[in-house]
Amino acid sequence: MMDETPLRDAAPAAGVERVDLTALYIRYITERGTLDLETIRAFVRNADCIICVDHMHGATRGRVQRIIGEYPGIHYLRTDDDYLFGGATPEPSEKNMEGLERILGRSGAAFKLGVVMDPDGDRIRFSDGRMQIPMSYFGAMTLHFLHVHKGFRGVAVKSVGTSNFVNAIAEKLGVAVRETKVGFKNFRPYMRRDAKERAMVVFEESDGISGYNHTLEKDALFGLLLAIEMMAKTGKKLGDYLRELMDEYGYYYPDRSGIEVERSLAGEALTKRLVLLRERYRPGKTVVIGHRERTVTEVITLDGTKIVFDDGSWLMIRPSGTEPKVRFYLEARTEEGKREIFDAAEKMTKEALGIV
């Protein structure tokens, strides 16, 4: 069709208005006051730090320089045009951080920060050169930072599949936690200026974040600037800050996985069968996980079935709406315990589906 269709000239533009979107963003975050842009710029300018930003060929290219300035300690990766993203899956995954971690590993700077942002600039993952920090941890750190170090007040809001690390912090700080269905749009009632319960932070397991008085959408640039301000105001590397919080509030190890099922089960049929889990695993029931018995303390049915146990570990079983798959979200209290919880989730799922 393209060969046979003659080319047509575009109609001349009736009028063009050029808008400097980065200037608008700088004005926006300055007026909203959640981020301290001057503190961020001073830290990057004066501290012994290296910051590595991987743009993944995306929409954030050129914007960080405008926001915080050009400095020798800031490195930018994948800044050229590449509509196939260099063959990589365009997401802030552990694998996609390998390039920036090599750069951080060669540096002797006192403060190290590496971030990868997905091409449309709404998801972000962090590294301090020694460890990667997924959003389940960073969102909890954000709550502590905004509440304790910056004096913000409000609630913490997270999607139901994220770590309960933030719950542990919030409980000791006297902050309420609200859990929503998966999907950033579900945070909007808590982000509006007229909300009865305004969120200090909202975050999801798939690396999206926003904060008090900020945009209703997830924003990777917000996450980057917040991470720099954390280092500037606490005087700590991100990994050290995280470990201090875990020493005080407990250790949590989230993960995600899943299994495939017969194609005939996709959609409504799969959802109906998995509803049986809510009847079988009610509060008070004991479940063998590994070689230990755990008692169900809470069952949350916002989005799938989330079963919380007496040691704070949990699993969530959620059917895919479009594929013959069952997704598992889980959290253990030890790194080794993740495998045991995954095995339990798989067993419970197969029993509900009648799979031997």
Protein backbone atom coordinates (compact mmCIF):
# COMPACT_ATOMS: atom_id res chain seq x y z
CA MET A 1 0.00 0.00 0.00
CA MET A 2 2.87 2.35 0.76
CA ASP A 3 4.44 1.62 -2.64
CA GLU A 4 1.19 2.30 -4.48
CA THR A 5 0.02 5.37 -2.58
CA PRO A 6 1.42 8.67 -3.82
CA LEU A 7 3.17 10.88 -1.27
CA ARG A 8 1.18 13.87 -0.13
CA ASP A 9 2.63 17.13 1.06
CA ALA A 10 1.76 18.14 4.59
CA ALA A 11 -0.56 21.11 5.00
CA PRO A 12 1.31 24.22 6.15
CA ALA A 13 1.00 24.95 9.87
CA ALA A 14 -1.45 27.72 10.66
CA GLY A 15 0.64 28.72 13.66
CA VAL A 16 3.32 27.24 15.88
CA GLU A 17 3.80 27.95 19.56
CA ARG A 18 7.03 26.63 21.05
CA VAL A 19 6.80 25.59 24.70
CA ASP A 20 9.84 24.99 26.92
CA LEU A 21 8.55 22.01 28.88
CA THR A 22 11.65 21.69 31.05
CA ALA A 23 11.37 25.33 32.13
CA LEU A 24 7.74 24.69 33.02
CA TYR A 25 8.78 21.63 35.06
CA ILE A 26 11.42 23.61 36.98
CA ARG A 27 8.88 26.33 37.76
CA TYR A 28 6.34 23.69 38.79
CA ILE A 29 8.55 21.84 41.29
CA THR A 30 9.83 25.16 42.67
CA GLU A 31 6.30 26.43 43.30
CA ARG A 32 5.05 23.13 44.75
CA GLY A 33 7.88 23.02 47.30
CA THR A 34 8.14 19.27 47.84
CA LEU A 35 11.68 19.21 46.47
CA ASP A 36 14.42 21.63 47.56
CA LEU A 37 16.04 22.37 44.23
CA GLU A 38 18.71 24.67 45.64
CA THR A 39 19.87 22.02 48.12
CA ILE A 40 19.97 19.46 45.31
CA ARG A 41 22.03 21.72 43.05
CA ALA A 42 24.44 22.65 45.85
CA PHE A 43 25.04 19.00 46.70
CA VAL A 44 25.79 18.05 43.10
CA ARG A 45 28.05 21.09 42.75
CA ASN A 46 30.03 20.70 46.00
CA ALA A 47 29.87 17.12 47.29
CA ASP A 48 32.28 14.31 46.43
CA CYS A 49 29.70 12.48 44.34
CA ILE A 50 29.15 10.66 41.09
CA ILE A 51 25.71 10.45 39.51
CA CYS A 52 25.01 8.20 36.54
CA VAL A 53 21.74 8.63 34.66
CA ASP A 54 20.69 6.06 32.06
CA HIS A 55 17.97 7.55 29.83
CA MET A 56 17.41 4.41 27.72
CA HIS A 57 17.16 6.61 24.59
CA GLY A 58 14.01 8.16 26.01
CA ALA A 59 12.14 11.35 26.77
CA THR A 60 14.20 12.40 29.81
CA ARG A 61 17.29 13.11 27.68
CA GLY A 62 18.67 16.63 28.16
CA ARG A 63 16.29 17.49 30.98
CA VAL A 64 18.45 16.60 33.99
CA GLN A 65 21.20 18.93 32.77
CA ARG A 66 18.67 21.76 32.62
CA ILE A 67 17.29 21.03 36.07
CA ILE A 68 20.47 20.55 38.13
CA GLY A 69 23.22 21.81 35.83
CA GLU A 70 26.23 20.37 34.00
CA TYR A 71 29.00 18.91 36.20
CA PRO A 72 31.90 16.51 35.56
CA GLY A 73 30.54 14.14 38.19
CA ILE A 74 27.34 13.46 36.25
CA HIS A 75 27.40 10.81 33.53
CA TYR A 76 24.61 10.25 31.01
CA LEU A 77 24.07 6.93 29.23
CA ARG A 78 22.01 5.96 26.17
CA THR A 79 21.30 9.51 25.06
CA ASP A 80 21.13 8.92 21.30
CA ASP A 81 18.07 8.19 19.17
CA ASP A 82 17.26 4.50 19.05
CA TYR A 83 13.67 3.53 18.47
CA LEU A 84 14.41 -0.11 19.32
CA PHE A 85 16.17 0.84 22.59
CA GLY A 86 19.34 -0.98 21.61
CA GLY A 87 17.46 -4.26 21.66
CA ALA A 88 16.87 -4.05 25.42
CA THR A 89 13.49 -4.36 27.07
CA PRO A 90 12.61 -0.70 27.78
CA GLU A 91 12.12 -0.91 31.54
CA PRO A 92 14.09 -0.07 34.72
CA SER A 93 15.12 -3.65 35.35
CA GLU A 94 18.05 -5.13 37.26
CA LYS A 95 19.71 -6.19 34.00
CA ASN A 96 19.39 -2.74 32.44
CA MET A 97 21.47 -1.26 35.27
CA GLU A 98 24.64 -3.16 34.38
CA GLY A 99 26.17 -0.28 32.39
CA LEU A 100 25.77 2.36 35.07
CA GLU A 101 26.91 -0.01 37.81
CA ARG A 102 30.20 -0.57 35.97
CA ILE A 103 30.79 3.19 35.99
CA LEU A 104 29.90 3.51 39.67
CA GLY A 105 32.16 0.58 40.51
CA ARG A 106 35.19 2.34 39.01
CA SER A 107 34.62 5.51 41.02
CA GLY A 108 36.04 6.28 44.45
CA ALA A 109 33.53 9.05 45.17
CA ALA A 110 32.04 9.26 48.66
CA PHE A 111 28.48 9.38 47.30
CA LYS A 112 27.33 7.28 44.37
CA LEU A 113 23.95 7.29 42.69
CA GLY A 114 22.90 5.49 39.54
CA VAL A 115 19.40 5.50 38.07
CA VAL A 116 17.81 3.99 35.00
CA MET A 117 14.61 5.62 33.73
CA ASP A 118 12.33 3.99 31.22
CA PRO A 119 11.93 5.73 27.83
CA ASP A 120 8.74 7.62 28.67
CA GLY A 121 10.25 8.86 31.93
CA ASP A 122 7.72 7.59 34.44
CA ARG A 123 9.53 4.66 36.09
CA ILE A 124 12.91 4.55 37.84
CA ARG A 125 15.27 2.16 39.66
CA PHE A 126 18.21 3.11 41.87
CA SER A 127 21.71 1.91 42.76
CA ASP A 128 24.32 3.26 45.16
CA GLY A 129 27.13 1.26 43.54
CA ARG A 130 26.90 -1.53 46.10
CA MET A 131 23.24 -2.49 45.94
CA GLN A 132 20.19 -1.89 43.80
CA ILE A 133 17.20 -0.30 45.47
CA PRO A 134 13.83 -1.23 43.95
CA MET A 135 10.78 0.96 44.44
CA SER A 136 9.37 -1.17 47.27
CA TYR A 137 12.36 -0.02 49.35
CA PHE A 138 12.74 3.48 47.94
CA GLY A 139 9.07 4.30 48.51
CA ALA A 140 9.44 3.35 52.18
CA MET A 141 12.61 5.45 52.43
CA THR A 142 10.70 8.36 50.90
CA LEU A 143 7.99 8.16 53.55
CA HIS A 144 10.59 8.25 56.33
CA PHE A 145 12.55 11.07 54.68
CA LEU A 146 9.55 13.32 53.98
CA HIS A 147 8.04 12.75 57.42
CA VAL A 148 11.14 12.79 59.65
CA HIS A 149 13.60 15.00 57.76
CA LYS A 150 11.24 17.40 55.99
CA GLY A 151 8.27 17.52 58.35
CA PHE A 152 5.52 16.54 55.90
CA ARG A 153 2.29 15.07 57.22
CA GLY A 154 -0.26 12.83 55.54
CA VAL A 155 -0.71 9.17 54.67
CA ALA A 156 1.41 6.65 52.79
CA VAL A 157 -0.26 5.09 49.75
CA LYS A 158 0.95 2.03 47.88
CA SER A 159 -0.39 -0.58 45.50
CA VAL A 160 -1.37 -3.84 47.13
CA GLY A 161 1.57 -5.75 45.60
CA THR A 162 4.32 -3.64 47.22
CA SER A 163 6.47 -4.42 50.25
CA ASN A 164 5.15 -4.10 53.80
CA PHE A 165 8.41 -2.41 54.77
CA VAL A 166 6.60 0.92 54.51
CA ASN A 167 3.85 -0.42 56.80
CA ALA A 168 6.42 -1.18 59.50
CA ILE A 169 7.90 2.32 59.27
CA ALA A 170 4.50 3.98 59.13
CA GLU A 171 3.21 2.13 62.18
CA LYS A 172 6.04 3.39 64.39
CA LEU A 173 5.73 6.92 63.01
CA GLY A 174 1.97 6.95 63.57
CA VAL A 175 1.24 7.31 59.85
CA ALA A 176 -1.73 5.62 58.19
CA VAL A 177 -1.14 3.37 55.17
CA ARG A 178 -3.64 3.00 52.36
CA GLU A 179 -3.38 0.16 49.82
CA THR A 180 -4.97 0.35 46.39
CA LYS A 181 -5.50 -1.85 43.37
CA VAL A 182 -2.61 -2.19 40.92
CA GLY A 183 -2.50 0.86 38.62
CA PHE A 184 -1.19 4.37 39.31
CA LYS A 185 -4.57 5.94 38.54
CA ASN A 186 -5.84 4.50 41.83
CA PHE A 187 -3.59 6.91 43.76
CA ARG A 188 -5.33 10.03 42.43
CA PRO A 189 -7.91 10.40 45.24
CA TYR A 190 -5.00 10.80 47.68
CA MET A 191 -2.96 13.17 45.50
CA ARG A 192 -5.53 15.87 44.85
CA ARG A 193 -5.18 19.11 46.80
CA ASP A 194 -8.72 18.78 48.17
CA ALA A 195 -8.21 15.17 49.33
CA LYS A 196 -9.37 14.40 52.88
CA GLU A 197 -6.30 12.18 53.25
CA ARG A 198 -3.36 13.61 51.33
CA ALA A 199 -0.49 11.31 50.49
CA MET A 200 3.09 12.07 51.44
CA VAL A 201 4.21 9.42 48.97
CA VAL A 202 2.51 7.13 46.46
CA PHE A 203 4.38 4.25 44.84
CA GLU A 204 3.85 0.94 43.07
CA GLU A 205 5.84 -2.26 42.71
CA SER A 206 6.54 -1.55 39.03
CA ASP A 207 8.86 1.39 39.88
CA GLY A 208 6.46 4.35 39.69
CA ILE A 209 6.47 7.12 42.32
CA SER A 210 5.07 10.56 43.08
CA GLY A 211 4.81 12.60 46.25
CA TYR A 212 3.08 15.29 48.25
CA ASN A 213 1.86 18.22 46.17
CA HIS A 214 3.45 16.75 43.04
CA THR A 215 1.98 15.51 39.79
CA LEU A 216 -0.88 12.99 39.77
CA GLU A 217 1.19 10.81 37.45
CA LYS A 218 4.32 8.81 38.22
CA ASP A 219 7.49 10.76 37.51
CA ALA A 220 11.01 9.34 37.21
CA LEU A 221 12.62 12.80 37.39
CA PHE A 222 10.92 13.35 40.74
CA GLY A 223 12.46 10.08 41.98
CA LEU A 224 15.96 11.11 40.83
CA LEU A 225 15.79 14.56 42.44
CA LEU A 226 14.38 13.09 45.65
CA ALA A 227 17.25 10.56 45.86
CA ILE A 228 19.82 13.36 45.54
CA GLU A 229 18.08 15.41 48.21
CA MET A 230 18.02 12.36 50.51
CA MET A 231 21.81 12.11 50.30
CA ALA A 232 22.22 15.86 50.73
CA LYS A 233 20.04 16.19 53.84
CA THR A 234 20.83 12.91 55.61
CA GLY A 235 24.53 12.89 54.75
CA LYS A 236 24.19 9.18 53.99
CA LYS A 237 24.56 6.96 50.96
CA LEU A 238 21.22 5.49 49.90
CA GLY A 239 22.26 1.95 50.85
CA ASP A 240 23.43 3.08 54.31
CA TYR A 241 20.17 4.95 54.86
CA LEU A 242 18.19 1.86 53.83
CA ARG A 243 20.18 -0.45 56.12
CA GLU A 244 19.70 1.88 59.08
CA LEU A 245 15.95 1.86 58.48
CA MET A 246 15.89 -1.93 58.19
CA ASP A 247 17.91 -2.30 61.41
CA GLU A 248 15.28 -0.18 63.14
CA TYR A 249 12.05 -1.31 61.46
CA GLY A 250 12.80 -4.85 60.24
CA TYR A 251 14.02 -6.62 57.12
CA TYR A 252 11.68 -7.36 54.22
CA TYR A 253 12.41 -9.18 50.97
CA PRO A 254 9.83 -8.70 48.19
CA ASP A 255 9.76 -10.55 44.88
CA ARG A 256 7.50 -11.35 41.92
CA SER A 257 6.93 -14.50 39.93
CA GLY A 258 4.12 -16.60 38.49
CA ILE A 259 3.07 -19.67 36.55
CA GLU A 260 1.38 -20.37 33.23
CA VAL A 261 -1.90 -22.31 33.07
CA GLU A 262 -3.97 -23.83 30.29
CA ARG A 263 -5.12 -21.30 27.72
CA SER A 264 -8.73 -22.32 28.27
CA LEU A 265 -8.50 -20.81 31.77
CA ALA A 266 -7.56 -17.29 30.65
CA GLY A 267 -9.85 -14.45 31.66
CA GLU A 268 -13.03 -14.81 33.70
CA ALA A 269 -12.73 -18.59 34.20
CA LEU A 270 -9.34 -18.14 35.88
CA THR A 271 -10.60 -15.34 38.11
CA LYS A 272 -13.60 -17.38 39.29
CA ARG A 273 -11.49 -20.37 40.29
CA LEU A 274 -8.97 -18.28 42.20
CA VAL A 275 -11.74 -16.69 44.26
CA LEU A 276 -11.81 -20.02 46.13
CA LEU A 277 -8.59 -18.96 47.86
CA ARG A 278 -10.53 -16.38 49.86
CA GLU A 279 -12.74 -19.10 51.31
CA ARG A 280 -9.93 -21.54 52.06
CA TYR A 281 -7.49 -19.16 53.68
CA ARG A 282 -9.27 -16.98 56.19
CA PRO A 283 -7.71 -15.25 59.23
CA GLY A 284 -6.76 -17.82 61.84
CA LYS A 285 -5.99 -20.64 59.41
CA THR A 286 -2.51 -22.16 59.61
CA VAL A 287 -0.42 -22.76 56.50
CA VAL A 288 2.80 -24.76 56.24
CA ILE A 289 5.51 -22.68 54.57
CA GLY A 290 8.78 -24.52 54.30
CA HIS A 291 8.95 -26.50 57.53
CA ARG A 292 7.09 -23.99 59.69
CA GLU A 293 3.46 -23.25 60.34
CA ARG A 294 2.28 -19.71 59.72
CA THR A 295 -1.05 -18.27 60.80
CA VAL A 296 -3.10 -16.11 58.44
CA THR A 297 -3.68 -12.72 60.09
CA GLU A 298 -5.30 -10.79 57.24
CA VAL A 299 -6.76 -11.39 53.79
CA ILE A 300 -6.89 -8.42 51.40
CA THR A 301 -9.02 -8.78 48.26
CA LEU A 302 -8.53 -5.43 46.56
CA ASP A 303 -6.82 -6.94 43.55
CA GLY A 304 -6.50 -10.72 43.60
CA THR A 305 -6.02 -12.37 47.00
CA LYS A 306 -3.31 -11.15 49.37
CA ILE A 307 -2.69 -13.37 52.40
CA VAL A 308 -0.68 -11.88 55.27
CA PHE A 309 0.96 -14.15 57.86
CA ASP A 310 1.81 -13.66 61.53
CA ASP A 311 5.52 -13.00 60.90
CA GLY A 312 4.75 -10.16 58.47
CA SER A 313 5.46 -12.20 55.34
CA TRP A 314 2.73 -12.40 52.69
CA LEU A 315 1.81 -13.65 49.26
CA MET A 316 -0.61 -12.31 46.70
CA ILE A 317 -2.13 -14.43 43.94
CA ARG A 318 -3.55 -12.47 41.05
CA PRO A 319 -4.86 -13.75 37.71
CA SER A 320 -3.80 -12.09 34.50
CA GLY A 321 -6.78 -10.51 32.79
CA THR A 322 -5.49 -11.23 29.28
CA GLU A 323 -3.06 -14.16 29.43
CA PRO A 324 -3.21 -17.73 30.74
CA LYS A 325 -1.01 -16.81 33.67
CA VAL A 326 -1.25 -16.45 37.43
CA ARG A 327 1.00 -13.78 38.91
CA PHE A 328 2.57 -14.06 42.35
CA TYR A 329 3.64 -11.12 44.46
CA LEU A 330 5.31 -12.12 47.70
CA GLU A 331 7.45 -10.98 50.56
CA ALA A 332 9.59 -12.96 53.01
CA ARG A 333 11.39 -11.85 56.16
CA THR A 334 14.62 -13.52 55.02
CA GLU A 335 16.24 -13.78 51.60
CA GLU A 336 16.10 -17.58 51.78
CA GLY A 337 12.40 -17.55 52.68
CA LYS A 338 11.30 -16.23 49.28
CA ARG A 339 11.60 -19.66 47.67
CA GLU A 340 9.44 -21.24 50.37
CA ILE A 341 6.69 -18.64 49.93
CA PHE A 342 6.77 -19.04 46.17
CA ASP A 343 6.37 -22.81 46.55
CA ALA A 344 3.42 -22.24 48.89
CA ALA A 345 1.77 -19.82 46.45
CA GLU A 346 2.21 -22.29 43.58
CA LYS A 347 0.73 -25.13 45.65
CA MET A 348 -2.25 -23.05 46.78
CA THR A 349 -2.91 -21.91 43.21
CA LYS A 350 -2.80 -25.40 41.74
CA GLU A 351 -5.14 -26.69 44.43
CA ALA A 352 -7.65 -23.91 43.66
CA LEU A 353 -7.43 -24.68 39.92
CA GLY A 354 -7.68 -28.43 40.42
CA ILE A 355 -4.25 -29.05 38.91
CA VAL A 356 -2.54 -32.18 40.23
